[in-house]
Amino acid sequence: MITAYWLILAAILILIVLSAFFSGSETALTAASRARLHQLEKNGDSRAGMVTRLIEKRDHLIGALLIGNNLVNILASALATSFFLNLYGDAGVAIATLVMTIVVVIFAEVMPKSWAISNADRFAVTVAPVLRPIVAVLSPFAAVVTWIVRAILRLFGVKIDEEQSMLTAHEELRGAVEVLHRDGSVVKDDRDRLGGVLDLHELEVSDVMIHRTNMESINVDDPPDQIVKQMLESPYTRIPLWQGESENIVGILHSKDVLRTLATKSGNLKTLNIRKIATNPWFVPETTTLQAQLNAFLRKKAHIALVVDEYGEVEGLVTLEDILEEIVGEIADEHDEEVSGVVAQADGSYLVEGSVPVRDLNRALEWQLPDEEATTVAGLVIHAAQMIPEEKQTFTFYGKRFVIIAREKNRITRLRIRKI
């Protein structure tokens, strides 16, 4: 009799260990980083490849782990109940329930899961060789259980698509970067640069272009000496040429081409043929994504393109630098004019030029102003107010107070913004 009791206790102990194994494995495989596992596999760790293949069939994996875990827990509880009934009679049921609840919660749930979550990747790689044959054996049962669950949920109008992810890959990366930044592992500049890369496929060239009202261009019919003088006074090396009207762009003039041509003509400006020096303009639709435009710039080895609307009218221009600045922030050289457009005031408010992009303001001040409906701060105020405000009008939205400081015709040129 005593030997039988010890055998039952040994069986219960083994089942608790198995329960801990299943619980820890479930937590580790759920929390393991697929990116780190992929890197480990590339470095020659075959066990990391096992984990990756197990995670790819998530339904079968979780189903098999749950079946195994519940099987050993129920069997352990049944043996414990039988054991305590023999010792204490009817009171053994209550004793077995109390003891097994404490033992299972501490040793089969909390402890293994805490251990697994603290080092999910290493735990997952360690248990993978043992877990693979178990999952293979239990997978058919898991598939049946999964089918039954989906059928029952479908009766209540709940459809589960195992191929559909709640978050896109970009959203998962963005969320990971935000969490790491909040924890202090990623500094603000790195977070902004990574966010800029992830935003390229969402933004269009119209979001970053220089609008035609701010676009610097030269009349191709001006005398060559005046054109050269305007180029020397400009901070840009590439300038659009127009003819007849400013929206009729006929070419792009590069300062290096002008210098090379002047060198061959001994600096004689009168013989300079601007049309022959200029290159053909490149027109792109305003709906082109920044990712596509960046790839096009690299493919064509170009740095500047004219942005047109659906009617073919020139809306502005976009450069390779404009796109790169969305990733790395403002790029300035010795010829750039420093125009930030945001000035902090002593009272905690900010004087902001209406042409400042909302994204730049958010990046500089850690704000969360929406940039889906308007590119500039002035456009955001007009969109939110549903009107063109007058000077000294005040609006409150998005957790900020906007005061119109200056306006020219229908354009808001300066605002004061204060956090509420």
Protein backbone atom coordinates (compact mmCIF):
# COMPACT_ATOMS: atom_id res chain seq x y z
CA MET A 1 0.00 0.00 0.00
CA ILE A 2 2.80 2.41 0.97
CA THR A 3 4.59 1.63 -2.30
CA ALA A 4 1.41 2.43 -4.25
CA TYR A 5 1.12 5.81 -2.48
CA TRP A 6 4.70 6.70 -3.38
CA LEU A 7 4.09 5.69 -7.00
CA ILE A 8 1.03 7.97 -7.13
CA LEU A 9 3.01 10.87 -5.65
CA ALA A 10 5.84 10.27 -8.14
CA ALA A 11 3.32 10.24 -11.00
CA ILE A 12 1.76 13.50 -9.77
CA LEU A 13 5.22 15.09 -9.54
CA ILE A 14 6.10 14.00 -13.09
CA LEU A 15 2.78 15.36 -14.38
CA ILE A 16 3.40 18.72 -12.63
CA VAL A 17 6.83 18.90 -14.32
CA LEU A 18 5.22 18.16 -17.70
CA SER A 19 2.59 20.82 -17.03
CA ALA A 20 5.34 23.32 -16.25
CA PHE A 21 7.07 22.32 -19.48
CA PHE A 22 3.95 22.92 -21.57
CA SER A 23 3.14 26.22 -19.85
CA GLY A 24 6.67 27.57 -20.21
CA SER A 25 6.90 26.41 -23.81
CA GLU A 26 3.64 28.14 -24.73
CA THR A 27 4.81 31.43 -23.21
CA ALA A 28 8.30 31.25 -24.72
CA LEU A 29 7.13 30.38 -28.23
CA THR A 30 4.48 33.11 -28.14
CA ALA A 31 6.90 35.78 -26.89
CA ALA A 32 9.98 34.75 -28.90
CA SER A 33 11.30 37.33 -31.35
CA ARG A 34 11.09 36.02 -34.90
CA ALA A 35 13.73 38.51 -36.00
CA ARG A 36 16.27 37.22 -33.45
CA LEU A 37 15.37 33.61 -34.24
CA HIS A 38 15.96 34.32 -37.93
CA GLN A 39 19.38 35.77 -37.11
CA LEU A 40 20.24 32.76 -34.95
CA GLU A 41 19.23 30.44 -37.78
CA LYS A 42 21.43 32.38 -40.20
CA ASN A 43 24.29 31.95 -37.73
CA GLY A 44 23.88 28.17 -37.90
CA ASP A 45 21.59 27.34 -34.95
CA SER A 46 19.31 24.63 -36.33
CA ARG A 47 17.11 24.73 -33.21
CA ALA A 48 16.13 28.32 -34.05
CA GLY A 49 14.89 27.01 -37.39
CA MET A 50 12.76 24.44 -35.54
CA VAL A 51 11.19 27.22 -33.46
CA THR A 52 10.47 29.28 -36.56
CA ARG A 53 8.74 26.36 -38.27
CA LEU A 54 6.72 25.62 -35.14
CA ILE A 55 5.58 29.26 -34.88
CA GLU A 56 4.58 29.32 -38.56
CA LYS A 57 1.84 26.77 -37.75
CA ARG A 58 0.58 28.71 -34.75
CA ASP A 59 -2.84 27.06 -34.59
CA HIS A 60 -1.39 23.55 -34.44
CA LEU A 61 1.29 24.63 -31.98
CA ILE A 62 -1.02 26.33 -29.49
CA GLY A 63 -3.63 23.59 -29.84
CA ALA A 64 -1.10 20.85 -29.17
CA LEU A 65 0.37 22.69 -26.17
CA LEU A 66 -3.05 23.31 -24.66
CA ILE A 67 -4.11 19.70 -25.18
CA GLY A 68 -0.92 18.43 -23.58
CA ASN A 69 -1.11 20.92 -20.71
CA ASN A 70 -4.75 20.21 -19.89
CA LEU A 71 -4.24 16.47 -20.24
CA VAL A 72 -1.45 16.33 -17.64
CA ASN A 73 -3.23 18.82 -15.33
CA ILE A 74 -6.47 16.84 -15.32
CA LEU A 75 -4.64 13.55 -14.84
CA ALA A 76 -2.58 15.02 -11.98
CA SER A 77 -5.73 16.35 -10.30
CA ALA A 78 -7.50 13.02 -10.69
CA LEU A 79 -4.56 11.14 -9.12
CA ALA A 80 -4.32 13.67 -6.30
CA THR A 81 -8.06 13.36 -5.59
CA SER A 82 -7.78 9.58 -5.46
CA PHE A 83 -4.72 9.84 -3.20
CA PHE A 84 -6.35 12.17 -0.66
CA LEU A 85 -9.68 10.29 -0.72
CA ASN A 86 -7.85 7.16 0.42
CA LEU A 87 -6.16 9.12 3.21
CA TYR A 88 -8.95 11.41 4.43
CA GLY A 89 -12.19 10.03 3.04
CA ASP A 90 -14.73 12.52 1.68
CA ALA A 91 -12.69 15.47 2.96
CA GLY A 92 -9.96 14.41 0.54
CA VAL A 93 -11.79 16.12 -2.36
CA ALA A 94 -11.51 19.55 -0.74
CA ILE A 95 -7.93 18.92 0.34
CA ALA A 96 -6.94 17.71 -3.13
CA THR A 97 -8.56 20.78 -4.74
CA LEU A 98 -6.73 23.17 -2.40
CA VAL A 99 -3.34 21.46 -2.67
CA MET A 100 -3.44 20.99 -6.45
CA THR A 101 -4.60 24.59 -7.02
CA ILE A 102 -1.62 25.91 -5.03
CA VAL A 103 0.87 23.49 -6.62
CA VAL A 104 -0.36 23.99 -10.21
CA VAL A 105 -0.57 27.80 -9.97
CA ILE A 106 2.89 28.18 -8.43
CA PHE A 107 4.93 25.39 -9.96
CA ALA A 108 3.11 24.65 -13.24
CA GLU A 109 1.94 28.13 -14.27
CA VAL A 110 3.50 31.21 -12.66
CA MET A 111 7.05 29.94 -12.14
CA PRO A 112 7.65 28.38 -15.61
CA LYS A 113 5.91 31.25 -17.40
CA SER A 114 7.94 33.84 -15.48
CA TRP A 115 11.12 31.97 -16.34
CA ALA A 116 10.11 31.63 -20.00
CA ILE A 117 9.11 35.29 -20.47
CA SER A 118 12.37 36.50 -18.91
CA ASN A 119 14.38 34.80 -21.66
CA ALA A 120 11.90 33.75 -24.30
CA ASP A 121 14.32 33.19 -27.19
CA ARG A 122 16.73 30.94 -25.27
CA PHE A 123 13.88 29.01 -23.62
CA ALA A 124 12.17 28.45 -26.99
CA VAL A 125 15.38 27.25 -28.65
CA THR A 126 16.05 24.86 -25.75
CA VAL A 127 12.62 23.19 -25.72
CA ALA A 128 12.17 23.07 -29.52
CA PRO A 129 13.82 19.64 -30.10
CA VAL A 130 11.64 18.03 -27.40
CA LEU A 131 8.53 19.90 -28.42
CA ARG A 132 8.66 19.10 -32.14
CA PRO A 133 7.72 15.38 -31.87
CA ILE A 134 5.06 16.16 -29.24
CA VAL A 135 3.44 18.73 -31.52
CA ALA A 136 3.64 16.27 -34.43
CA VAL A 137 1.77 13.63 -32.40
CA LEU A 138 -0.86 16.02 -30.99
CA SER A 139 -1.36 18.11 -34.16
CA PRO A 140 -4.18 15.94 -35.60
CA PHE A 141 -6.13 16.31 -32.35
CA ALA A 142 -5.35 20.04 -32.29
CA ALA A 143 -6.63 20.38 -35.87
CA VAL A 144 -9.93 18.72 -34.92
CA VAL A 145 -10.29 20.95 -31.85
CA THR A 146 -9.49 24.05 -33.92
CA TRP A 147 -12.11 23.09 -36.52
CA ILE A 148 -14.74 22.58 -33.81
CA VAL A 149 -13.87 25.94 -32.20
CA ARG A 150 -14.08 27.80 -35.52
CA ALA A 151 -17.41 26.13 -36.33
CA ILE A 152 -18.89 27.13 -32.96
CA LEU A 153 -17.60 30.70 -33.25
CA ARG A 154 -19.00 30.94 -36.77
CA LEU A 155 -22.45 30.21 -35.34
CA PHE A 156 -22.12 33.39 -33.29
CA GLY A 157 -20.92 35.42 -36.27
CA VAL A 158 -17.23 35.38 -35.30
CA LYS A 159 -14.86 34.55 -38.16
CA ILE A 160 -11.19 33.90 -37.49
CA ASP A 161 -8.77 34.12 -40.39
CA GLU A 162 -5.52 32.49 -39.36
CA GLU A 163 -3.64 34.15 -42.23
CA GLN A 164 -4.77 37.65 -41.31
CA SER A 165 -2.63 39.63 -38.89
CA MET A 166 -4.09 42.31 -36.68
CA LEU A 167 -1.07 44.50 -37.40
CA THR A 168 0.90 44.99 -40.57
CA ALA A 169 4.66 44.45 -40.52
CA HIS A 170 5.19 48.23 -40.58
CA GLU A 171 2.83 48.72 -37.63
CA GLU A 172 4.55 45.98 -35.65
CA LEU A 173 7.95 47.58 -36.29
CA ARG A 174 6.64 51.03 -35.41
CA GLY A 175 5.09 49.71 -32.20
CA ALA A 176 8.33 47.97 -31.23
CA VAL A 177 10.33 51.17 -31.82
CA GLU A 178 7.87 53.23 -29.76
CA VAL A 179 8.03 50.76 -26.88
CA LEU A 180 11.84 50.70 -26.96
CA HIS A 181 11.90 54.51 -27.04
CA ARG A 182 9.56 54.70 -24.06
CA ASP A 183 11.79 52.24 -22.19
CA GLY A 184 14.85 54.35 -23.00
CA SER A 185 16.55 51.79 -25.26
CA VAL A 186 16.10 53.92 -28.41
CA VAL A 187 16.82 57.66 -28.39
CA LYS A 188 14.43 60.15 -30.01
CA ASP A 189 16.60 60.79 -33.09
CA ASP A 190 16.88 57.08 -33.87
CA ARG A 191 13.14 56.61 -33.31
CA ASP A 192 12.38 59.49 -35.71
CA ARG A 193 14.71 58.10 -38.38
CA LEU A 194 13.26 54.61 -38.16
CA GLY A 195 9.76 56.10 -38.21
CA GLY A 196 10.69 58.13 -41.28
CA VAL A 197 11.73 54.99 -43.15
CA LEU A 198 8.45 53.27 -42.22
CA ASP A 199 6.44 56.31 -43.34
CA LEU A 200 7.86 56.42 -46.88
CA HIS A 201 5.27 54.03 -48.28
CA GLU A 202 2.42 56.01 -46.67
CA LEU A 203 3.43 59.55 -47.69
CA GLU A 204 3.04 61.02 -51.16
CA VAL A 205 5.31 63.49 -52.92
CA SER A 206 2.64 66.15 -52.43
CA ASP A 207 3.26 65.88 -48.67
CA VAL A 208 6.92 66.94 -48.90
CA MET A 209 7.13 68.94 -52.14
CA ILE A 210 8.01 72.62 -52.35
CA HIS A 211 4.79 74.29 -53.48
CA ARG A 212 4.91 76.28 -56.71
CA THR A 213 4.27 79.52 -54.76
CA ASN A 214 7.58 78.95 -52.92
CA MET A 215 9.42 77.38 -55.83
CA GLU A 216 12.45 79.25 -57.09
CA SER A 217 12.65 79.33 -60.89
CA ILE A 218 14.17 81.41 -63.71
CA ASN A 219 12.72 82.77 -66.93
CA VAL A 220 14.56 81.03 -69.76
CA ASP A 221 14.13 84.13 -71.96
CA ASP A 222 16.15 86.33 -69.60
CA PRO A 223 19.61 87.37 -70.86
CA PRO A 224 22.29 84.77 -70.10
CA ASP A 225 24.18 87.11 -67.75
CA GLN A 226 21.02 87.65 -65.65
CA ILE A 227 20.36 83.91 -65.53
CA VAL A 228 23.92 83.24 -64.33
CA LYS A 229 23.57 86.00 -61.72
CA GLN A 230 20.30 84.51 -60.42
CA MET A 231 21.94 81.10 -60.19
CA LEU A 232 24.87 82.52 -58.21
CA GLU A 233 22.48 84.23 -55.80
CA SER A 234 20.45 81.07 -55.30
CA PRO A 235 21.30 78.51 -52.60
CA TYR A 236 20.29 75.72 -55.02
CA THR A 237 22.37 73.97 -57.66
CA ARG A 238 19.38 72.90 -59.78
CA ILE A 239 16.76 75.45 -60.79
CA PRO A 240 13.67 75.01 -63.02
CA LEU A 241 13.39 77.16 -66.13
CA TRP A 242 10.02 78.54 -67.25
CA GLN A 243 8.80 80.25 -70.39
CA GLY A 244 5.75 82.42 -70.89
CA GLU A 245 4.30 81.71 -67.44
CA SER A 246 5.87 80.40 -64.24
CA GLU A 247 3.92 77.10 -64.36
CA ASN A 248 5.26 76.27 -67.85
CA ILE A 249 8.50 74.52 -66.90
CA VAL A 250 10.68 73.84 -69.93
CA GLY A 251 13.92 72.62 -68.38
CA ILE A 252 16.18 72.17 -65.35
CA LEU A 253 19.39 74.17 -65.18
CA HIS A 254 22.35 72.75 -63.22
CA SER A 255 25.03 75.17 -62.00
CA LYS A 256 27.82 72.69 -62.84
CA ASP A 257 26.66 72.49 -66.45
CA VAL A 258 26.76 76.29 -66.64
CA LEU A 259 30.29 76.38 -65.20
CA ARG A 260 31.54 73.67 -67.58
CA THR A 261 30.08 75.50 -70.58
CA LEU A 262 31.55 78.84 -69.46
CA ALA A 263 34.96 77.18 -69.07
CA THR A 264 34.88 76.09 -72.72
CA LYS A 265 33.86 79.59 -73.82
CA SER A 266 36.47 81.40 -71.73
CA GLY A 267 33.75 82.94 -69.56
CA ASN A 268 31.95 84.68 -72.44
CA LEU A 269 28.34 84.97 -71.23
CA LYS A 270 26.98 86.39 -74.48
CA THR A 271 27.55 83.13 -76.35
CA LEU A 272 25.92 81.04 -73.63
CA ASN A 273 22.94 79.03 -74.91
CA ILE A 274 20.86 78.25 -71.83
CA ARG A 275 18.41 75.98 -73.66
CA LYS A 276 21.19 73.64 -74.79
CA ILE A 277 22.65 73.44 -71.29
CA ALA A 278 19.32 72.73 -69.56
CA THR A 279 18.06 69.18 -69.21
CA ASN A 280 14.50 68.06 -69.85
CA PRO A 281 12.17 68.35 -66.85
CA TRP A 282 10.87 65.19 -65.22
CA PHE A 283 7.20 65.26 -64.23
CA VAL A 284 5.72 62.91 -61.63
CA PRO A 285 2.12 62.57 -60.33
CA GLU A 286 1.37 64.12 -56.95
CA THR A 287 0.03 60.77 -55.72
CA THR A 288 3.38 58.99 -56.11
CA THR A 289 4.52 57.53 -52.78
CA LEU A 290 7.83 58.64 -51.35
CA GLN A 291 9.05 55.04 -51.43
CA ALA A 292 8.33 54.78 -55.16
CA GLN A 293 9.81 58.21 -55.86
CA LEU A 294 12.98 57.43 -53.91
CA ASN A 295 13.44 54.25 -55.92
CA ALA A 296 12.80 56.22 -59.13
CA PHE A 297 15.39 58.85 -58.17
CA LEU A 298 17.97 56.14 -57.53
CA ARG A 299 17.08 54.30 -60.72
CA LYS A 300 17.26 57.39 -62.95
CA LYS A 301 20.21 58.86 -61.03
CA ALA A 302 18.23 62.09 -60.75
CA HIS A 303 17.79 64.55 -57.90
CA ILE A 304 14.81 66.71 -58.84
CA ALA A 305 11.32 66.20 -60.30
CA LEU A 306 8.31 68.43 -60.99
CA VAL A 307 5.06 67.40 -59.29
CA VAL A 308 1.85 67.66 -61.34
CA ASP A 309 -1.81 67.19 -60.42
CA GLU A 310 -4.38 65.06 -62.23
CA TYR A 311 -4.82 67.80 -64.86
CA GLY A 312 -1.10 67.99 -65.60
CA GLU A 313 -0.68 71.36 -63.89
CA VAL A 314 2.57 71.91 -62.00
CA GLU A 315 1.97 71.81 -58.24
CA GLY A 316 5.56 72.08 -57.07
CA LEU A 317 8.85 70.22 -57.08
CA VAL A 318 10.35 67.41 -55.03
CA THR A 319 14.02 66.59 -54.61
CA LEU A 320 15.96 63.59 -53.40
CA GLU A 321 16.99 65.69 -50.40
CA ASP A 322 13.34 66.31 -49.48
CA ILE A 323 12.76 62.56 -49.23
CA LEU A 324 15.97 61.90 -47.32
CA GLU A 325 15.03 64.63 -44.85
CA GLU A 326 11.90 62.65 -44.02
CA ILE A 327 14.24 59.96 -42.72
CA VAL A 328 17.20 61.79 -41.17
CA GLY A 329 15.66 65.18 -40.42
CA GLU A 330 16.73 68.57 -41.75
CA ILE A 331 19.85 68.47 -43.94
CA ALA A 332 21.70 71.78 -44.09
CA ASP A 333 24.88 72.75 -45.87
CA GLU A 334 26.95 75.94 -45.96
CA HIS A 335 24.70 77.47 -48.64
CA ASP A 336 21.33 76.70 -47.06
CA GLU A 337 19.32 79.50 -45.59
CA GLU A 338 18.37 78.75 -42.00
CA VAL A 339 14.60 79.09 -41.90
CA SER A 340 13.17 76.93 -39.13
CA GLY A 341 9.85 78.78 -38.82
CA VAL A 342 9.37 77.74 -35.16
CA VAL A 343 10.38 80.12 -32.35
CA ALA A 344 9.85 79.27 -28.67
CA GLN A 345 8.44 82.06 -26.51
CA ALA A 346 9.06 82.80 -22.83
CA ASP A 347 5.44 82.00 -21.92
CA GLY A 348 5.73 78.45 -23.28
CA SER A 349 4.00 79.13 -26.59
CA TYR A 350 5.54 78.92 -30.06
CA LEU A 351 5.48 81.35 -32.97
CA VAL A 352 5.08 79.19 -36.05
CA GLU A 353 5.16 80.13 -39.72
CA GLY A 354 2.06 78.92 -41.55
CA SER A 355 4.17 77.10 -44.15
CA VAL A 356 5.88 74.84 -41.58
CA PRO A 357 4.96 71.18 -42.30
CA VAL A 358 2.91 69.51 -39.58
CA ARG A 359 5.26 66.52 -39.59
CA ASP A 360 8.27 68.74 -38.93
CA LEU A 361 6.46 70.45 -36.06
CA ASN A 362 5.48 67.10 -34.54
CA ARG A 363 9.02 65.82 -34.84
CA ALA A 364 10.57 68.95 -33.32
CA LEU A 365 8.16 69.37 -30.40
CA GLU A 366 7.06 65.76 -29.77
CA TRP A 367 3.47 66.67 -30.62
CA GLN A 368 0.81 64.48 -32.21
CA LEU A 369 -1.00 66.89 -34.54
CA PRO A 370 -2.75 65.00 -37.38
CA ASP A 371 -1.09 65.28 -40.78
CA GLU A 372 -3.50 63.24 -42.90
CA GLU A 373 -5.73 66.10 -44.09
CA ALA A 374 -3.20 68.94 -44.36
CA THR A 375 0.52 69.22 -45.02
CA THR A 376 1.23 72.59 -43.38
CA VAL A 377 0.21 74.10 -40.05
CA ALA A 378 -1.84 76.77 -41.86
CA GLY A 379 -3.65 74.06 -43.82
CA LEU A 380 -4.35 72.14 -40.62
CA VAL A 381 -5.97 75.19 -39.01
CA ILE A 382 -8.09 75.92 -42.10
CA HIS A 383 -9.18 72.28 -42.29
CA ALA A 384 -10.06 72.08 -38.59
CA ALA A 385 -11.79 75.48 -38.51
CA GLN A 386 -13.63 74.86 -41.80
CA MET A 387 -12.96 78.49 -42.73
CA ILE A 388 -10.18 80.94 -43.54
CA PRO A 389 -9.58 82.66 -40.19
CA GLU A 390 -9.10 86.36 -39.61
CA GLU A 391 -6.16 87.82 -37.71
CA LYS A 392 -6.39 87.51 -33.90
CA GLN A 393 -8.95 84.72 -34.15
CA THR A 394 -8.37 81.90 -31.69
CA PHE A 395 -9.17 78.22 -32.11
CA THR A 396 -8.80 75.26 -29.78
CA PHE A 397 -8.41 71.74 -31.13
CA TYR A 398 -6.07 68.73 -30.90
CA GLY A 399 -5.14 69.79 -27.36
CA LYS A 400 -3.61 73.09 -28.56
CA ARG A 401 -4.71 76.73 -28.77
CA PHE A 402 -4.04 78.37 -32.15
CA VAL A 403 -3.98 82.18 -32.42
CA ILE A 404 -3.79 83.72 -35.90
CA ILE A 405 -1.02 86.35 -35.78
CA ALA A 406 -0.70 87.33 -39.45
CA ARG A 407 -2.51 86.66 -42.70
CA GLU A 408 -1.80 87.69 -46.30
CA LYS A 409 -4.83 87.55 -48.58
CA ASN A 410 -6.15 84.01 -48.03
CA ARG A 411 -2.92 82.59 -46.55
CA ILE A 412 -2.18 82.24 -42.85
CA THR A 413 1.44 83.30 -42.53
CA ARG A 414 2.04 83.16 -38.78
CA LEU A 415 0.41 81.58 -35.74
CA ARG A 416 0.95 81.31 -32.02
CA ILE A 417 0.44 77.79 -30.69
CA ARG A 418 0.20 76.87 -27.03
CA LYS A 419 -0.48 73.55 -25.34
CA ILE A 420 -3.65 73.56 -23.28
